[in-house]
């Protein structure tokens, strides 16, 4: 049994192979706890704008829509790599200047 604690949605991708091996090859269970809601990633969302049809690099738009988008992306990826439960603390991210 493993609990993965990450700061942001999508941080699990850095250990996706490890999680996959635990859940699929070792038949273990992996849960994930995510601290932030991911809204601060708006500055880095240029590639997602066409896909989602939203101006996500605009701070107001990004902070409004990214938490739900990133949460759904994380849960979709979690199904593939085998994460059993996701726990979201939904802490808001401050803008870093």
C-alpha atoms as a PDB file:
ATOM      1  CA  UNK A   1       0.000   0.000   0.000  1.00  0.00           C
ATOM      2  CA  UNK A   2       1.374   3.363  -1.077  1.00  0.00           C
ATOM      3  CA  UNK A   3       0.209   6.926  -0.537  1.00  0.00           C
ATOM      4  CA  UNK A   4       1.606   9.349  -3.094  1.00  0.00           C
ATOM      5  CA  UNK A   5       1.494  12.973  -1.935  1.00  0.00           C
ATOM      6  CA  UNK A   6       2.004  15.559  -4.663  1.00  0.00           C
ATOM      7  CA  UNK A   7       1.935  19.325  -4.650  1.00  0.00           C
ATOM      8  CA  UNK A   8       0.098  19.757  -7.939  1.00  0.00           C
ATOM      9  CA  UNK A   9      -2.190  17.814 -10.244  1.00  0.00           C
ATOM     10  CA  UNK A  10       0.012  16.093 -12.864  1.00  0.00           C
ATOM     11  CA  UNK A  11       3.025  15.620 -10.567  1.00  0.00           C
ATOM     12  CA  UNK A  12       2.246  11.898 -10.545  1.00  0.00           C
ATOM     13  CA  UNK A  13       3.401  11.726 -14.161  1.00  0.00           C
ATOM     14  CA  UNK A  14       6.997  11.933 -12.935  1.00  0.00           C
ATOM     15  CA  UNK A  15       6.524   8.558 -11.245  1.00  0.00           C
ATOM     16  CA  UNK A  16       3.910   7.013 -13.528  1.00  0.00           C
ATOM     17  CA  UNK A  17       6.011   3.952 -14.357  1.00  0.00           C
ATOM     18  CA  UNK A  18       6.697   3.265 -10.683  1.00  0.00           C
ATOM     19  CA  UNK A  19       3.011   3.584  -9.814  1.00  0.00           C
ATOM     20  CA  UNK A  20       2.045   1.370 -12.752  1.00  0.00           C
ATOM     21  CA  UNK A  21       4.494  -1.342 -11.704  1.00  0.00           C
ATOM     22  CA  UNK A  22       3.237  -1.239  -8.105  1.00  0.00           C
ATOM     23  CA  UNK A  23      -0.409  -1.509  -9.129  1.00  0.00           C
ATOM     24  CA  UNK A  24      -0.134  -3.879 -12.089  1.00  0.00           C
ATOM     25  CA  UNK A  25       2.925  -6.039 -11.543  1.00  0.00           C
ATOM     26  CA  UNK A  26       3.111  -6.136  -7.734  1.00  0.00           C
ATOM     27  CA  UNK A  27      -0.695  -6.003  -7.294  1.00  0.00           C
ATOM     28  CA  UNK A  28      -0.302  -3.214  -4.753  1.00  0.00           C
ATOM     29  CA  UNK A  29      -2.638  -0.302  -4.127  1.00  0.00           C
ATOM     30  CA  UNK A  30      -1.753   3.332  -4.618  1.00  0.00           C
ATOM     31  CA  UNK A  31      -3.760   6.300  -3.382  1.00  0.00           C
ATOM     32  CA  UNK A  32      -2.886   9.920  -4.130  1.00  0.00           C
ATOM     33  CA  UNK A  33      -3.257  13.116  -2.130  1.00  0.00           C
ATOM     34  CA  UNK A  34      -2.907  16.372  -4.082  1.00  0.00           C
ATOM     35  CA  UNK A  35      -2.263  19.528  -2.080  1.00  0.00           C
ATOM     36  CA  UNK A  36      -3.011  22.391  -4.509  1.00  0.00           C
ATOM     37  CA  UNK A  37      -5.890  22.852  -6.929  1.00  0.00           C
ATOM     38  CA  UNK A  38      -3.576  23.543  -9.886  1.00  0.00           C
ATOM     39  CA  UNK A  39      -4.924  26.970 -10.757  1.00  0.00           C
ATOM     40  CA  UNK A  40      -1.456  28.558 -10.642  1.00  0.00           C
ATOM     41  CA  UNK A  41      -0.461  26.674 -13.778  1.00  0.00           C
ATOM     42  CA  UNK A  42      -2.287  29.157 -15.977  1.00  0.00           C
ATOM     43  CA  UNK A  43       1.018  30.712 -17.089  1.00  0.00           C
ATOM     44  CA  UNK A  44       2.063  27.399 -18.609  1.00  0.00           C
ATOM     45  CA  UNK A  45      -1.213  26.467 -20.317  1.00  0.00           C
ATOM     46  CA  UNK A  46      -0.569  27.733 -23.836  1.00  0.00           C
ATOM     47  CA  UNK A  47      -0.674  24.275 -25.419  1.00  0.00           C
ATOM     48  CA  UNK A  48      -3.976  23.498 -23.694  1.00  0.00           C
ATOM     49  CA  UNK A  49      -5.789  26.567 -24.981  1.00  0.00           C
ATOM     50  CA  UNK A  50      -6.629  25.127 -28.409  1.00  0.00           C
ATOM     51  CA  UNK A  51      -7.569  21.760 -26.946  1.00  0.00           C
ATOM     52  CA  UNK A  52      -9.991  23.172 -24.374  1.00  0.00           C
ATOM     53  CA  UNK A  53     -11.064  26.228 -26.377  1.00  0.00           C
ATOM     54  CA  UNK A  54     -10.322  28.541 -23.475  1.00  0.00           C
ATOM     55  CA  UNK A  55      -7.787  31.336 -22.996  1.00  0.00           C
ATOM     56  CA  UNK A  56      -6.207  29.522 -20.053  1.00  0.00           C
ATOM     57  CA  UNK A  57      -3.113  31.739 -19.967  1.00  0.00           C
ATOM     58  CA  UNK A  58      -5.348  34.636 -18.959  1.00  0.00           C
ATOM     59  CA  UNK A  59      -5.098  34.597 -15.157  1.00  0.00           C
ATOM     60  CA  UNK A  60      -8.809  35.066 -14.510  1.00  0.00           C
ATOM     61  CA  UNK A  61      -9.850  32.382 -17.019  1.00  0.00           C
ATOM     62  CA  UNK A  62      -7.098  29.966 -15.997  1.00  0.00           C
ATOM     63  CA  UNK A  63      -7.741  30.223 -12.275  1.00  0.00           C
ATOM     64  CA  UNK A  64     -11.453  29.656 -12.894  1.00  0.00           C
ATOM     65  CA  UNK A  65     -11.196  26.617 -15.199  1.00  0.00           C
ATOM     66  CA  UNK A  66      -7.869  24.904 -14.505  1.00  0.00           C
ATOM     67  CA  UNK A  67      -8.758  23.331 -11.149  1.00  0.00           C
ATOM     68  CA  UNK A  68     -11.522  21.203 -12.695  1.00  0.00           C
ATOM     69  CA  UNK A  69      -9.586  20.516 -15.913  1.00  0.00           C
ATOM     70  CA  UNK A  70      -6.470  19.368 -14.072  1.00  0.00           C
ATOM     71  CA  UNK A  71      -8.473  17.312 -11.586  1.00  0.00           C
ATOM     72  CA  UNK A  72     -10.218  15.470 -14.428  1.00  0.00           C
ATOM     73  CA  UNK A  73      -6.937  14.920 -16.275  1.00  0.00           C
ATOM     74  CA  UNK A  74      -5.392  13.509 -13.096  1.00  0.00           C
ATOM     75  CA  UNK A  75      -8.279  11.112 -12.512  1.00  0.00           C
ATOM     76  CA  UNK A  76      -8.153   9.953 -16.150  1.00  0.00           C
ATOM     77  CA  UNK A  77      -4.416   9.270 -15.871  1.00  0.00           C
ATOM     78  CA  UNK A  78      -4.972   7.607 -12.496  1.00  0.00           C
ATOM     79  CA  UNK A  79      -7.319   5.071 -14.073  1.00  0.00           C
ATOM     80  CA  UNK A  80      -4.597   4.068 -16.525  1.00  0.00           C
ATOM     81  CA  UNK A  81      -1.721   3.814 -14.046  1.00  0.00           C
ATOM     82  CA  UNK A  82      -3.872   2.247 -11.349  1.00  0.00           C
ATOM     83  CA  UNK A  83      -4.424   4.857  -8.640  1.00  0.00           C
ATOM     84  CA  UNK A  84      -7.283   3.668  -6.447  1.00  0.00           C
ATOM     85  CA  UNK A  85      -8.327   6.847  -4.616  1.00  0.00           C
ATOM     86  CA  UNK A  86      -7.603  10.527  -5.101  1.00  0.00           C
ATOM     87  CA  UNK A  87      -7.777  12.979  -2.216  1.00  0.00           C
ATOM     88  CA  UNK A  88      -7.824  16.685  -3.093  1.00  0.00           C
ATOM     89  CA  UNK A  89      -6.931  19.309  -0.498  1.00  0.00           C
ATOM     90  CA  UNK A  90      -7.715  22.067  -3.073  1.00  0.00           C
ATOM     91  CA  UNK A  91      -5.325  24.648  -1.638  1.00  0.00           C
ATOM     92  CA  UNK A  92      -5.257  27.763  -3.805  1.00  0.00           C
ATOM     93  CA  UNK A  93      -1.966  28.631  -5.418  1.00  0.00           C
ATOM     94  CA  UNK A  94      -0.461  32.069  -5.126  1.00  0.00           C
ATOM     95  CA  UNK A  95       0.846  33.862  -8.164  1.00  0.00           C
ATOM     96  CA  UNK A  96       4.625  33.739  -8.276  1.00  0.00           C
ATOM     97  CA  UNK A  97       6.142  36.932  -9.587  1.00  0.00           C
END
